[in-house]
Amino acid sequence: MNLKRYWKATLEQQAEEMSSYFHKDAYVNWHNTNEHFTVSEFIKANCEYPGQWDGEIERIVEKENLIITVVHVFSSDKKSSFHVTSFIQIRDEKIESIDEYWGDDGAPPQWRLDKRIGTPIHGGISDHM
């Protein structure tokens, strides 16, 4: 399974190409919003999401039939930025299930800034926007 091509199709909202990576009975769970999707529902949610998107794979970990990806997803105009961690179960070189966890990129909360704890991983929040 070529995860780089899957993510490219997903970010470019290419429904037909996306569907070729899934078993027909596969499903996707978005835990942050407590949603369970069939493949067709997931592709509809992804491809009809407003705007144009881009991103980059930051990490891929493979263990047997499980692939974990961390992807930085951002709007083409750079006004929105997210990170998604996906646990992708593979069977016969196709996706059987995905459990995804999405997070908005942003500045640390004020209470942590006030405590002066932590340092930026990158040059600053603007790196993600």
N, C-alpha and C. Protein backbone atom coordinates (compact mmCIF):
# COMPACT_ATOMS: atom_id res chain seq x y z
N MET A 1 0.86 -1.19 0.00
CA MET A 1 0.00 0.00 0.00
C MET A 1 0.89 1.23 0.00
N ASN A 2 0.65 2.12 -0.93
CA ASN A 2 1.44 3.33 -1.02
C ASN A 2 0.74 4.47 -0.28
N LEU A 3 1.18 4.70 0.96
CA LEU A 3 0.54 5.72 1.81
C LEU A 3 0.76 7.12 1.29
N LYS A 4 1.87 7.37 0.65
CA LYS A 4 2.12 8.71 0.11
C LYS A 4 1.10 9.04 -0.98
N ARG A 5 0.79 8.08 -1.83
CA ARG A 5 -0.21 8.32 -2.89
C ARG A 5 -1.62 8.44 -2.29
N TYR A 6 -1.90 7.63 -1.26
CA TYR A 6 -3.20 7.74 -0.58
C TYR A 6 -3.38 9.14 -0.01
N TRP A 7 -2.36 9.63 0.72
CA TRP A 7 -2.48 10.96 1.33
C TRP A 7 -2.55 12.05 0.27
N LYS A 8 -1.84 11.89 -0.83
CA LYS A 8 -1.91 12.88 -1.91
C LYS A 8 -3.34 12.96 -2.45
N ALA A 9 -3.95 11.80 -2.71
CA ALA A 9 -5.34 11.76 -3.21
C ALA A 9 -6.30 12.35 -2.18
N THR A 10 -6.06 12.07 -0.91
CA THR A 10 -6.93 12.58 0.15
C THR A 10 -6.83 14.10 0.26
N LEU A 11 -5.61 14.62 0.28
CA LEU A 11 -5.42 16.07 0.39
C LEU A 11 -5.95 16.80 -0.84
N GLU A 12 -5.87 16.17 -2.00
CA GLU A 12 -6.37 16.79 -3.23
C GLU A 12 -7.85 16.52 -3.45
N GLN A 13 -8.48 15.83 -2.51
CA GLN A 13 -9.92 15.55 -2.52
C GLN A 13 -10.33 14.81 -3.81
N GLN A 14 -9.56 13.80 -4.18
CA GLN A 14 -9.82 12.99 -5.36
C GLN A 14 -10.59 11.74 -4.96
N ALA A 15 -11.91 11.82 -5.02
CA ALA A 15 -12.80 10.77 -4.50
C ALA A 15 -12.54 9.41 -5.14
N GLU A 16 -12.48 9.35 -6.44
CA GLU A 16 -12.34 8.06 -7.12
C GLU A 16 -11.01 7.40 -6.75
N GLU A 17 -9.95 8.17 -6.75
CA GLU A 17 -8.65 7.62 -6.38
C GLU A 17 -8.64 7.16 -4.92
N MET A 18 -9.23 7.97 -4.03
CA MET A 18 -9.29 7.59 -2.62
C MET A 18 -9.97 6.24 -2.44
N SER A 19 -11.08 6.04 -3.12
CA SER A 19 -11.85 4.81 -2.93
C SER A 19 -11.06 3.56 -3.33
N SER A 20 -10.11 3.70 -4.24
CA SER A 20 -9.33 2.55 -4.69
C SER A 20 -8.42 1.99 -3.59
N TYR A 21 -8.20 2.73 -2.53
CA TYR A 21 -7.33 2.28 -1.45
C TYR A 21 -8.06 1.51 -0.35
N PHE A 22 -9.39 1.46 -0.41
CA PHE A 22 -10.20 0.87 0.66
C PHE A 22 -10.86 -0.44 0.25
N HIS A 23 -11.02 -1.34 1.24
CA HIS A 23 -11.94 -2.46 1.07
C HIS A 23 -13.34 -1.89 1.09
N LYS A 24 -14.27 -2.51 0.40
CA LYS A 24 -15.64 -1.96 0.32
C LYS A 24 -16.33 -1.90 1.68
N ASP A 25 -15.95 -2.78 2.61
CA ASP A 25 -16.58 -2.79 3.93
C ASP A 25 -15.74 -2.07 4.99
N ALA A 26 -14.76 -1.31 4.56
CA ALA A 26 -13.90 -0.57 5.50
C ALA A 26 -14.70 0.53 6.21
N TYR A 27 -14.10 1.07 7.26
CA TYR A 27 -14.73 2.18 7.98
C TYR A 27 -13.66 3.11 8.52
N VAL A 28 -14.10 4.31 8.89
CA VAL A 28 -13.21 5.32 9.45
C VAL A 28 -13.88 5.91 10.68
N ASN A 29 -13.12 6.03 11.77
CA ASN A 29 -13.60 6.65 12.99
C ASN A 29 -12.83 7.94 13.24
N TRP A 30 -13.57 9.03 13.48
CA TRP A 30 -12.98 10.29 13.91
C TRP A 30 -13.33 10.44 15.39
N HIS A 31 -12.38 10.12 16.23
CA HIS A 31 -12.65 10.05 17.66
C HIS A 31 -12.91 11.43 18.28
N ASN A 32 -12.28 12.48 17.77
CA ASN A 32 -12.48 13.81 18.37
C ASN A 32 -13.93 14.27 18.30
N THR A 33 -14.63 13.83 17.25
CA THR A 33 -16.03 14.26 17.07
C THR A 33 -17.01 13.09 17.19
N ASN A 34 -16.50 11.92 17.63
CA ASN A 34 -17.34 10.75 17.87
C ASN A 34 -18.15 10.35 16.64
N GLU A 35 -17.47 10.29 15.48
CA GLU A 35 -18.14 9.94 14.23
C GLU A 35 -17.57 8.66 13.63
N HIS A 36 -18.46 7.82 13.14
CA HIS A 36 -18.11 6.57 12.46
C HIS A 36 -18.63 6.67 11.03
N PHE A 37 -17.74 6.44 10.05
CA PHE A 37 -18.11 6.58 8.64
C PHE A 37 -17.90 5.28 7.87
N THR A 38 -18.79 5.02 6.93
CA THR A 38 -18.51 4.02 5.90
C THR A 38 -17.50 4.65 4.96
N VAL A 39 -16.96 3.87 4.04
CA VAL A 39 -15.99 4.42 3.08
C VAL A 39 -16.63 5.56 2.29
N SER A 40 -17.82 5.34 1.76
CA SER A 40 -18.45 6.39 0.93
C SER A 40 -18.75 7.64 1.75
N GLU A 41 -19.16 7.48 3.00
CA GLU A 41 -19.41 8.65 3.85
C GLU A 41 -18.11 9.40 4.15
N PHE A 42 -17.05 8.66 4.42
CA PHE A 42 -15.76 9.27 4.70
C PHE A 42 -15.25 10.05 3.49
N ILE A 43 -15.36 9.46 2.32
CA ILE A 43 -14.90 10.13 1.11
C ILE A 43 -15.74 11.38 0.85
N LYS A 44 -17.04 11.30 1.09
CA LYS A 44 -17.91 12.47 0.93
C LYS A 44 -17.51 13.57 1.92
N ALA A 45 -17.30 13.20 3.18
CA ALA A 45 -16.90 14.19 4.20
C ALA A 45 -15.57 14.84 3.83
N ASN A 46 -14.65 14.05 3.33
CA ASN A 46 -13.34 14.57 2.96
C ASN A 46 -13.41 15.44 1.71
N CYS A 47 -14.05 14.93 0.68
CA CYS A 47 -14.03 15.62 -0.62
C CYS A 47 -14.96 16.81 -0.69
N GLU A 48 -15.96 16.87 0.17
CA GLU A 48 -16.88 18.01 0.18
C GLU A 48 -16.53 19.01 1.27
N TYR A 49 -15.46 18.75 2.02
CA TYR A 49 -15.02 19.70 3.02
C TYR A 49 -14.62 20.98 2.30
N PRO A 50 -15.08 22.12 2.77
CA PRO A 50 -14.82 23.38 2.05
C PRO A 50 -13.33 23.71 1.93
N GLY A 51 -12.98 24.33 0.84
CA GLY A 51 -11.63 24.82 0.64
C GLY A 51 -10.74 23.85 -0.10
N GLN A 52 -9.52 24.31 -0.32
CA GLN A 52 -8.49 23.48 -0.96
C GLN A 52 -7.41 23.23 0.07
N TRP A 53 -6.83 22.01 0.02
CA TRP A 53 -5.97 21.56 1.09
C TRP A 53 -4.63 21.06 0.58
N ASP A 54 -3.66 21.11 1.44
CA ASP A 54 -2.34 20.58 1.16
C ASP A 54 -1.83 19.99 2.46
N GLY A 55 -0.66 19.42 2.42
CA GLY A 55 -0.11 18.86 3.64
C GLY A 55 1.17 18.12 3.39
N GLU A 56 1.72 17.62 4.48
CA GLU A 56 2.94 16.83 4.38
C GLU A 56 2.93 15.75 5.44
N ILE A 57 3.37 14.58 5.03
CA ILE A 57 3.50 13.48 5.97
C ILE A 57 4.73 13.76 6.82
N GLU A 58 4.55 13.77 8.13
CA GLU A 58 5.66 14.02 9.03
C GLU A 58 6.26 12.72 9.58
N ARG A 59 5.44 11.67 9.63
CA ARG A 59 5.93 10.42 10.20
C ARG A 59 5.08 9.26 9.73
N ILE A 60 5.73 8.13 9.44
CA ILE A 60 5.05 6.88 9.14
C ILE A 60 5.72 5.78 9.96
N VAL A 61 4.91 5.02 10.69
CA VAL A 61 5.40 3.88 11.46
C VAL A 61 4.59 2.67 11.02
N GLU A 62 5.28 1.59 10.65
CA GLU A 62 4.61 0.38 10.21
C GLU A 62 4.94 -0.77 11.15
N LYS A 63 3.91 -1.50 11.55
CA LYS A 63 4.09 -2.69 12.38
C LYS A 63 3.04 -3.71 11.94
N GLU A 64 3.51 -4.74 11.27
CA GLU A 64 2.66 -5.79 10.74
C GLU A 64 1.58 -5.16 9.85
N ASN A 65 0.30 -5.33 10.19
CA ASN A 65 -0.79 -4.80 9.36
C ASN A 65 -1.29 -3.43 9.80
N LEU A 66 -0.53 -2.77 10.67
CA LEU A 66 -0.91 -1.45 11.18
C LEU A 66 0.09 -0.42 10.69
N ILE A 67 -0.42 0.66 10.12
CA ILE A 67 0.41 1.79 9.71
C ILE A 67 -0.09 3.02 10.46
N ILE A 68 0.83 3.72 11.10
CA ILE A 68 0.48 4.95 11.82
C ILE A 68 1.11 6.10 11.05
N THR A 69 0.28 7.09 10.71
CA THR A 69 0.81 8.27 10.04
C THR A 69 0.51 9.51 10.87
N VAL A 70 1.41 10.47 10.80
CA VAL A 70 1.19 11.81 11.36
C VAL A 70 1.34 12.75 10.18
N VAL A 71 0.27 13.52 9.92
CA VAL A 71 0.25 14.38 8.76
C VAL A 71 -0.12 15.80 9.18
N HIS A 72 0.65 16.76 8.68
CA HIS A 72 0.33 18.17 8.85
C HIS A 72 -0.56 18.55 7.68
N VAL A 73 -1.81 18.93 7.97
CA VAL A 73 -2.79 19.29 6.95
C VAL A 73 -3.07 20.79 7.10
N PHE A 74 -3.03 21.52 5.98
CA PHE A 74 -3.28 22.96 6.05
C PHE A 74 -4.02 23.41 4.81
N SER A 75 -4.77 24.49 4.97
CA SER A 75 -5.49 25.06 3.84
C SER A 75 -4.49 25.70 2.89
N SER A 76 -4.84 25.72 1.62
CA SER A 76 -3.94 26.29 0.61
C SER A 76 -3.61 27.74 0.90
N ASP A 77 -4.54 28.47 1.53
CA ASP A 77 -4.29 29.87 1.86
C ASP A 77 -3.54 30.02 3.20
N LYS A 78 -3.22 28.89 3.83
CA LYS A 78 -2.45 28.83 5.08
C LYS A 78 -3.17 29.46 6.28
N LYS A 79 -4.50 29.65 6.18
CA LYS A 79 -5.26 30.22 7.29
C LYS A 79 -5.67 29.18 8.32
N SER A 80 -5.71 27.89 7.92
CA SER A 80 -6.08 26.81 8.82
C SER A 80 -4.97 25.76 8.81
N SER A 81 -4.70 25.19 9.99
CA SER A 81 -3.63 24.21 10.09
C SER A 81 -4.00 23.18 11.15
N PHE A 82 -3.77 21.91 10.82
CA PHE A 82 -4.13 20.81 11.70
C PHE A 82 -3.03 19.75 11.66
N HIS A 83 -3.03 18.90 12.65
CA HIS A 83 -2.24 17.67 12.63
C HIS A 83 -3.21 16.51 12.85
N VAL A 84 -3.02 15.46 12.08
CA VAL A 84 -3.86 14.27 12.21
C VAL A 84 -2.97 13.05 12.39
N THR A 85 -3.31 12.26 13.40
CA THR A 85 -2.64 10.98 13.62
C THR A 85 -3.63 9.90 13.23
N SER A 86 -3.22 9.03 12.30
CA SER A 86 -4.10 8.00 11.75
C SER A 86 -3.52 6.63 12.01
N PHE A 87 -4.36 5.76 12.57
CA PHE A 87 -4.02 4.36 12.77
C PHE A 87 -4.75 3.58 11.68
N ILE A 88 -3.99 3.11 10.71
CA ILE A 88 -4.56 2.52 9.49
C ILE A 88 -4.32 1.02 9.50
N GLN A 89 -5.40 0.26 9.56
CA GLN A 89 -5.32 -1.20 9.55
C GLN A 89 -5.40 -1.66 8.10
N ILE A 90 -4.43 -2.47 7.68
CA ILE A 90 -4.33 -2.94 6.29
C ILE A 90 -4.65 -4.42 6.21
N ARG A 91 -5.40 -4.81 5.19
CA ARG A 91 -5.65 -6.22 4.87
C ARG A 91 -5.53 -6.38 3.37
N ASP A 92 -4.70 -7.29 2.92
CA ASP A 92 -4.51 -7.54 1.49
C ASP A 92 -4.19 -6.26 0.72
N GLU A 93 -3.29 -5.45 1.29
CA GLU A 93 -2.80 -4.23 0.63
C GLU A 93 -3.86 -3.13 0.45
N LYS A 94 -4.98 -3.23 1.19
CA LYS A 94 -6.00 -2.17 1.17
C LYS A 94 -6.38 -1.81 2.59
N ILE A 95 -6.96 -0.63 2.75
CA ILE A 95 -7.36 -0.14 4.07
C ILE A 95 -8.61 -0.87 4.53
N GLU A 96 -8.50 -1.44 5.74
CA GLU A 96 -9.63 -2.12 6.37
C GLU A 96 -10.34 -1.18 7.35
N SER A 97 -9.54 -0.35 8.04
CA SER A 97 -10.12 0.62 8.97
C SER A 97 -9.10 1.71 9.25
N ILE A 98 -9.62 2.88 9.64
CA ILE A 98 -8.78 3.99 10.08
C ILE A 98 -9.40 4.57 11.35
N ASP A 99 -8.56 4.78 12.34
CA ASP A 99 -8.93 5.53 13.53
C ASP A 99 -8.09 6.79 13.52
N GLU A 100 -8.77 7.95 13.40
CA GLU A 100 -8.06 9.23 13.27
C GLU A 100 -8.33 10.15 14.44
N TYR A 101 -7.28 10.91 14.77
CA TYR A 101 -7.33 11.90 15.84
C TYR A 101 -6.82 13.21 15.27
N TRP A 102 -7.71 14.21 15.21
CA TRP A 102 -7.38 15.52 14.64
C TRP A 102 -7.16 16.54 15.74
N GLY A 103 -6.21 17.43 15.50
CA GLY A 103 -5.97 18.53 16.43
C GLY A 103 -5.70 19.81 15.66
N ASP A 104 -6.29 20.92 16.13
CA ASP A 104 -6.03 22.24 15.54
C ASP A 104 -4.64 22.70 15.99
N ASP A 105 -3.89 23.25 15.06
CA ASP A 105 -2.62 23.86 15.42
C ASP A 105 -2.90 25.26 15.96
N GLY A 106 -2.15 25.66 16.95
CA GLY A 106 -2.35 26.98 17.53
C GLY A 106 -1.33 27.25 18.62
N ALA A 107 -1.45 28.41 19.19
CA ALA A 107 -0.55 28.83 20.26
C ALA A 107 -0.89 28.07 21.55
N PRO A 108 0.08 27.90 22.44
CA PRO A 108 -0.20 27.29 23.74
C PRO A 108 -1.22 28.15 24.50
N PRO A 109 -1.97 27.54 25.41
CA PRO A 109 -2.91 28.33 26.21
C PRO A 109 -2.18 29.34 27.11
N GLN A 110 -2.87 30.39 27.42
CA GLN A 110 -2.27 31.49 28.19
C GLN A 110 -1.69 31.01 29.52
N TRP A 111 -2.37 30.11 30.21
CA TRP A 111 -1.88 29.67 31.53
C TRP A 111 -0.49 29.04 31.43
N ARG A 112 -0.20 28.33 30.31
CA ARG A 112 1.15 27.76 30.17
C ARG A 112 2.15 28.84 29.78
N LEU A 113 1.72 29.78 28.94
CA LEU A 113 2.61 30.90 28.62
C LEU A 113 2.97 31.68 29.88
N ASP A 114 1.97 31.90 30.76
CA ASP A 114 2.21 32.62 32.01
C ASP A 114 3.22 31.89 32.90
N LYS A 115 3.24 30.59 32.87
CA LYS A 115 4.17 29.80 33.68
C LYS A 115 5.57 29.72 33.06
N ARG A 116 5.67 30.18 31.81
CA ARG A 116 6.95 30.17 31.10
C ARG A 116 7.57 28.77 31.06
N ILE A 117 6.70 27.79 30.72
CA ILE A 117 7.18 26.42 30.60
C ILE A 117 7.10 25.98 29.14
N GLY A 118 7.99 25.10 28.74
CA GLY A 118 8.01 24.61 27.37
C GLY A 118 8.72 25.59 26.43
N THR A 119 9.16 25.05 25.33
CA THR A 119 9.78 25.85 24.28
C THR A 119 9.21 25.40 22.95
N PRO A 120 9.27 26.24 21.93
CA PRO A 120 8.73 25.86 20.62
C PRO A 120 9.48 24.66 20.02
N ILE A 121 8.75 23.77 19.40
CA ILE A 121 9.36 22.64 18.69
C ILE A 121 10.02 23.17 17.42
N HIS A 122 9.33 24.08 16.74
CA HIS A 122 9.82 24.72 15.52
C HIS A 122 10.06 26.19 15.85
N GLY A 123 10.28 27.00 14.84
CA GLY A 123 10.54 28.42 15.04
C GLY A 123 9.41 29.20 15.67
N GLY A 124 8.23 28.63 15.71
CA GLY A 124 7.08 29.32 16.29
C GLY A 124 5.80 28.88 15.63
N ILE A 125 4.70 29.36 16.12
CA ILE A 125 3.38 28.95 15.61
C ILE A 125 3.23 29.32 14.14
N SER A 126 3.90 30.37 13.70
CA SER A 126 3.77 30.78 12.30
C SER A 126 4.28 29.71 11.35
N ASP A 127 5.12 28.79 11.83
CA ASP A 127 5.59 27.69 10.99
C ASP A 127 4.43 26.80 10.55
N HIS A 128 3.37 26.75 11.35
CA HIS A 128 2.24 25.90 11.05
C HIS A 128 1.12 26.62 10.32
N MET A 129 1.22 27.88 10.17
CA MET A 129 0.12 28.64 9.55
C MET A 129 0.55 29.20 8.22
